[in-house]
N, C-alpha and C. Protein backbone atom coordinates (compact mmCIF):
# COMPACT_ATOMS: atom_id res chain seq x y z
N MET A 1 31.10 32.37 9.82
CA MET A 1 29.68 32.17 9.93
C MET A 1 28.92 33.44 9.54
N HIS A 2 29.44 34.59 9.81
CA HIS A 2 28.73 35.83 9.55
C HIS A 2 29.25 36.49 8.27
N THR A 3 28.85 35.92 7.14
CA THR A 3 29.29 36.45 5.85
C THR A 3 28.23 37.33 5.21
N GLU A 4 27.03 37.39 5.80
CA GLU A 4 25.96 38.19 5.24
C GLU A 4 26.21 39.67 5.51
N ALA A 5 25.30 40.49 5.01
CA ALA A 5 25.40 41.93 5.23
C ALA A 5 25.33 42.24 6.72
N TRP A 6 26.04 43.26 7.12
CA TRP A 6 26.06 43.68 8.51
C TRP A 6 24.94 44.68 8.76
N VAL A 7 24.45 44.72 9.98
CA VAL A 7 23.41 45.65 10.38
C VAL A 7 23.97 46.55 11.47
N ARG A 8 23.96 47.84 11.23
CA ARG A 8 24.42 48.79 12.25
C ARG A 8 23.29 49.00 13.23
N THR A 9 23.58 48.79 14.52
CA THR A 9 22.56 48.86 15.56
C THR A 9 23.11 49.58 16.78
N THR A 10 22.29 50.39 17.39
CA THR A 10 22.66 51.05 18.65
C THR A 10 22.01 50.27 19.77
N LEU A 11 22.81 49.87 20.74
CA LEU A 11 22.32 49.07 21.87
C LEU A 11 22.70 49.73 23.18
N ASP A 12 21.84 49.61 24.16
CA ASP A 12 22.16 50.02 25.53
C ASP A 12 22.47 48.74 26.30
N LEU A 13 23.75 48.51 26.56
CA LEU A 13 24.19 47.29 27.23
C LEU A 13 24.82 47.64 28.57
N PRO A 14 24.64 46.78 29.57
CA PRO A 14 25.24 47.05 30.88
C PRO A 14 26.77 47.04 30.79
N ARG A 15 27.37 48.15 31.19
CA ARG A 15 28.83 48.28 31.11
C ARG A 15 29.56 47.14 31.83
N PRO A 16 29.13 46.75 33.05
CA PRO A 16 29.86 45.66 33.73
C PRO A 16 29.83 44.35 32.93
N LEU A 17 28.73 44.08 32.26
CA LEU A 17 28.63 42.86 31.46
C LEU A 17 29.57 42.92 30.25
N ILE A 18 29.58 44.04 29.57
CA ILE A 18 30.48 44.21 28.42
C ILE A 18 31.94 44.14 28.88
N ASP A 19 32.25 44.82 29.99
CA ASP A 19 33.62 44.81 30.51
C ASP A 19 34.07 43.39 30.84
N GLU A 20 33.19 42.61 31.48
CA GLU A 20 33.56 41.23 31.83
C GLU A 20 33.72 40.37 30.58
N ALA A 21 32.81 40.53 29.63
CA ALA A 21 32.91 39.77 28.38
C ALA A 21 34.21 40.11 27.65
N MET A 22 34.58 41.37 27.63
CA MET A 22 35.83 41.78 26.98
C MET A 22 37.03 41.16 27.70
N ARG A 23 36.96 41.12 29.02
CA ARG A 23 38.07 40.56 29.80
C ARG A 23 38.20 39.05 29.57
N LEU A 24 37.07 38.35 29.46
CA LEU A 24 37.09 36.89 29.34
C LEU A 24 37.32 36.40 27.91
N SER A 25 37.03 37.24 26.95
CA SER A 25 37.09 36.82 25.55
C SER A 25 38.47 37.07 24.94
N PRO A 26 38.84 36.22 24.00
CA PRO A 26 40.07 36.51 23.26
C PRO A 26 39.85 37.62 22.23
N GLN A 27 38.59 37.96 21.98
CA GLN A 27 38.28 39.02 21.03
C GLN A 27 38.73 40.37 21.60
N ARG A 28 39.09 41.29 20.73
CA ARG A 28 39.61 42.57 21.19
C ARG A 28 38.67 43.74 20.94
N THR A 29 37.57 43.52 20.25
CA THR A 29 36.63 44.62 20.03
C THR A 29 35.26 44.23 20.59
N LYS A 30 34.48 45.23 20.93
CA LYS A 30 33.13 44.98 21.44
C LYS A 30 32.29 44.28 20.39
N THR A 31 32.43 44.71 19.16
CA THR A 31 31.67 44.08 18.07
C THR A 31 32.00 42.60 17.98
N ALA A 32 33.29 42.27 18.01
CA ALA A 32 33.70 40.86 17.90
C ALA A 32 33.19 40.05 19.09
N VAL A 33 33.21 40.63 20.28
CA VAL A 33 32.71 39.93 21.47
C VAL A 33 31.22 39.66 21.33
N ILE A 34 30.46 40.64 20.88
CA ILE A 34 29.02 40.48 20.74
C ILE A 34 28.68 39.49 19.63
N VAL A 35 29.39 39.55 18.51
CA VAL A 35 29.16 38.61 17.41
C VAL A 35 29.45 37.19 17.89
N THR A 36 30.54 37.00 18.61
CA THR A 36 30.89 35.68 19.14
C THR A 36 29.80 35.19 20.10
N ALA A 37 29.31 36.07 20.95
CA ALA A 37 28.25 35.69 21.90
C ALA A 37 26.98 35.29 21.16
N LEU A 38 26.62 36.04 20.12
CA LEU A 38 25.42 35.70 19.34
C LEU A 38 25.60 34.38 18.61
N GLU A 39 26.77 34.14 18.05
CA GLU A 39 27.03 32.87 17.37
C GLU A 39 26.91 31.70 18.35
N GLU A 40 27.45 31.87 19.55
CA GLU A 40 27.37 30.83 20.57
C GLU A 40 25.93 30.59 21.00
N PHE A 41 25.15 31.65 21.15
CA PHE A 41 23.74 31.53 21.50
C PHE A 41 22.99 30.72 20.44
N VAL A 42 23.20 31.06 19.18
CA VAL A 42 22.53 30.36 18.08
C VAL A 42 22.96 28.90 18.05
N ARG A 43 24.25 28.63 18.23
CA ARG A 43 24.75 27.25 18.23
C ARG A 43 24.08 26.44 19.34
N LYS A 44 24.00 27.01 20.54
CA LYS A 44 23.39 26.30 21.67
C LYS A 44 21.92 26.02 21.42
N LYS A 45 21.20 26.98 20.88
CA LYS A 45 19.78 26.79 20.61
C LYS A 45 19.56 25.72 19.53
N ARG A 46 20.41 25.71 18.51
CA ARG A 46 20.30 24.67 17.47
C ARG A 46 20.59 23.30 18.05
N THR A 47 21.58 23.21 18.92
CA THR A 47 21.93 21.95 19.57
C THR A 47 20.76 21.47 20.43
N GLN A 48 20.15 22.37 21.18
CA GLN A 48 19.00 22.00 22.00
C GLN A 48 17.87 21.47 21.12
N GLY A 49 17.68 22.09 19.97
CA GLY A 49 16.65 21.63 19.05
C GLY A 49 16.91 20.22 18.56
N LEU A 50 18.18 19.90 18.31
CA LEU A 50 18.54 18.56 17.86
C LEU A 50 18.37 17.52 18.96
N LYS A 51 18.56 17.93 20.21
CA LYS A 51 18.45 16.99 21.32
C LYS A 51 17.04 16.41 21.45
N ARG A 52 16.04 17.10 20.91
CA ARG A 52 14.67 16.57 20.94
C ARG A 52 14.57 15.24 20.21
N PHE A 53 15.46 15.02 19.25
CA PHE A 53 15.41 13.81 18.44
C PHE A 53 16.23 12.66 19.03
N ARG A 54 16.89 12.89 20.15
CA ARG A 54 17.73 11.86 20.76
C ARG A 54 16.88 10.63 21.08
N GLY A 55 17.33 9.49 20.59
CA GLY A 55 16.63 8.24 20.83
C GLY A 55 15.46 8.00 19.89
N ARG A 56 15.15 8.96 19.03
CA ARG A 56 14.02 8.82 18.12
C ARG A 56 14.44 8.55 16.68
N VAL A 57 15.70 8.82 16.39
CA VAL A 57 16.20 8.63 15.03
C VAL A 57 17.30 7.58 15.10
N HIS A 58 17.16 6.54 14.29
CA HIS A 58 18.18 5.50 14.26
C HIS A 58 19.17 5.81 13.14
N LEU A 59 20.41 5.96 13.51
CA LEU A 59 21.48 6.17 12.54
C LEU A 59 22.41 4.97 12.59
N ASP A 60 22.68 4.40 11.45
CA ASP A 60 23.58 3.26 11.38
C ASP A 60 25.00 3.78 11.19
N ILE A 61 25.57 4.28 12.30
CA ILE A 61 26.89 4.91 12.26
C ILE A 61 27.80 4.18 13.24
N ASP A 62 29.01 3.91 12.81
CA ASP A 62 30.00 3.30 13.69
C ASP A 62 30.91 4.42 14.22
N PRO A 63 30.76 4.81 15.49
CA PRO A 63 31.57 5.89 16.04
C PRO A 63 33.08 5.65 15.91
N SER A 64 33.50 4.39 16.04
CA SER A 64 34.93 4.08 15.91
C SER A 64 35.43 4.40 14.50
N ALA A 65 34.62 4.06 13.50
CA ALA A 65 35.01 4.34 12.12
C ALA A 65 35.10 5.85 11.88
N LEU A 66 34.20 6.60 12.49
CA LEU A 66 34.21 8.06 12.33
C LEU A 66 35.46 8.66 12.94
N ARG A 67 35.86 8.14 14.11
CA ARG A 67 37.06 8.67 14.78
C ARG A 67 38.33 8.37 13.99
N ASP A 68 38.33 7.26 13.24
CA ASP A 68 39.52 6.85 12.50
C ASP A 68 39.65 7.54 11.16
N ARG A 69 38.61 8.30 10.75
CA ARG A 69 38.70 9.00 9.46
C ARG A 69 39.77 10.08 9.52
N SER A 70 40.41 10.28 8.40
CA SER A 70 41.43 11.34 8.33
C SER A 70 41.05 12.36 7.32
């Protein structure tokens, strides 16, 4: 997802929060943990934005047919 140019940034982050994120994440670097957290944040916000349309857009989709696709 992050194929664009990187931005070098200095941040003051709470050590306990970084330590816990490092412990809980499969990522092994602080940069990777923060990038993963930002990606997850963006994904959640985009999903919330789509939920506004729930029940307002009619899609003629057969969920069973979608599950059977290979």
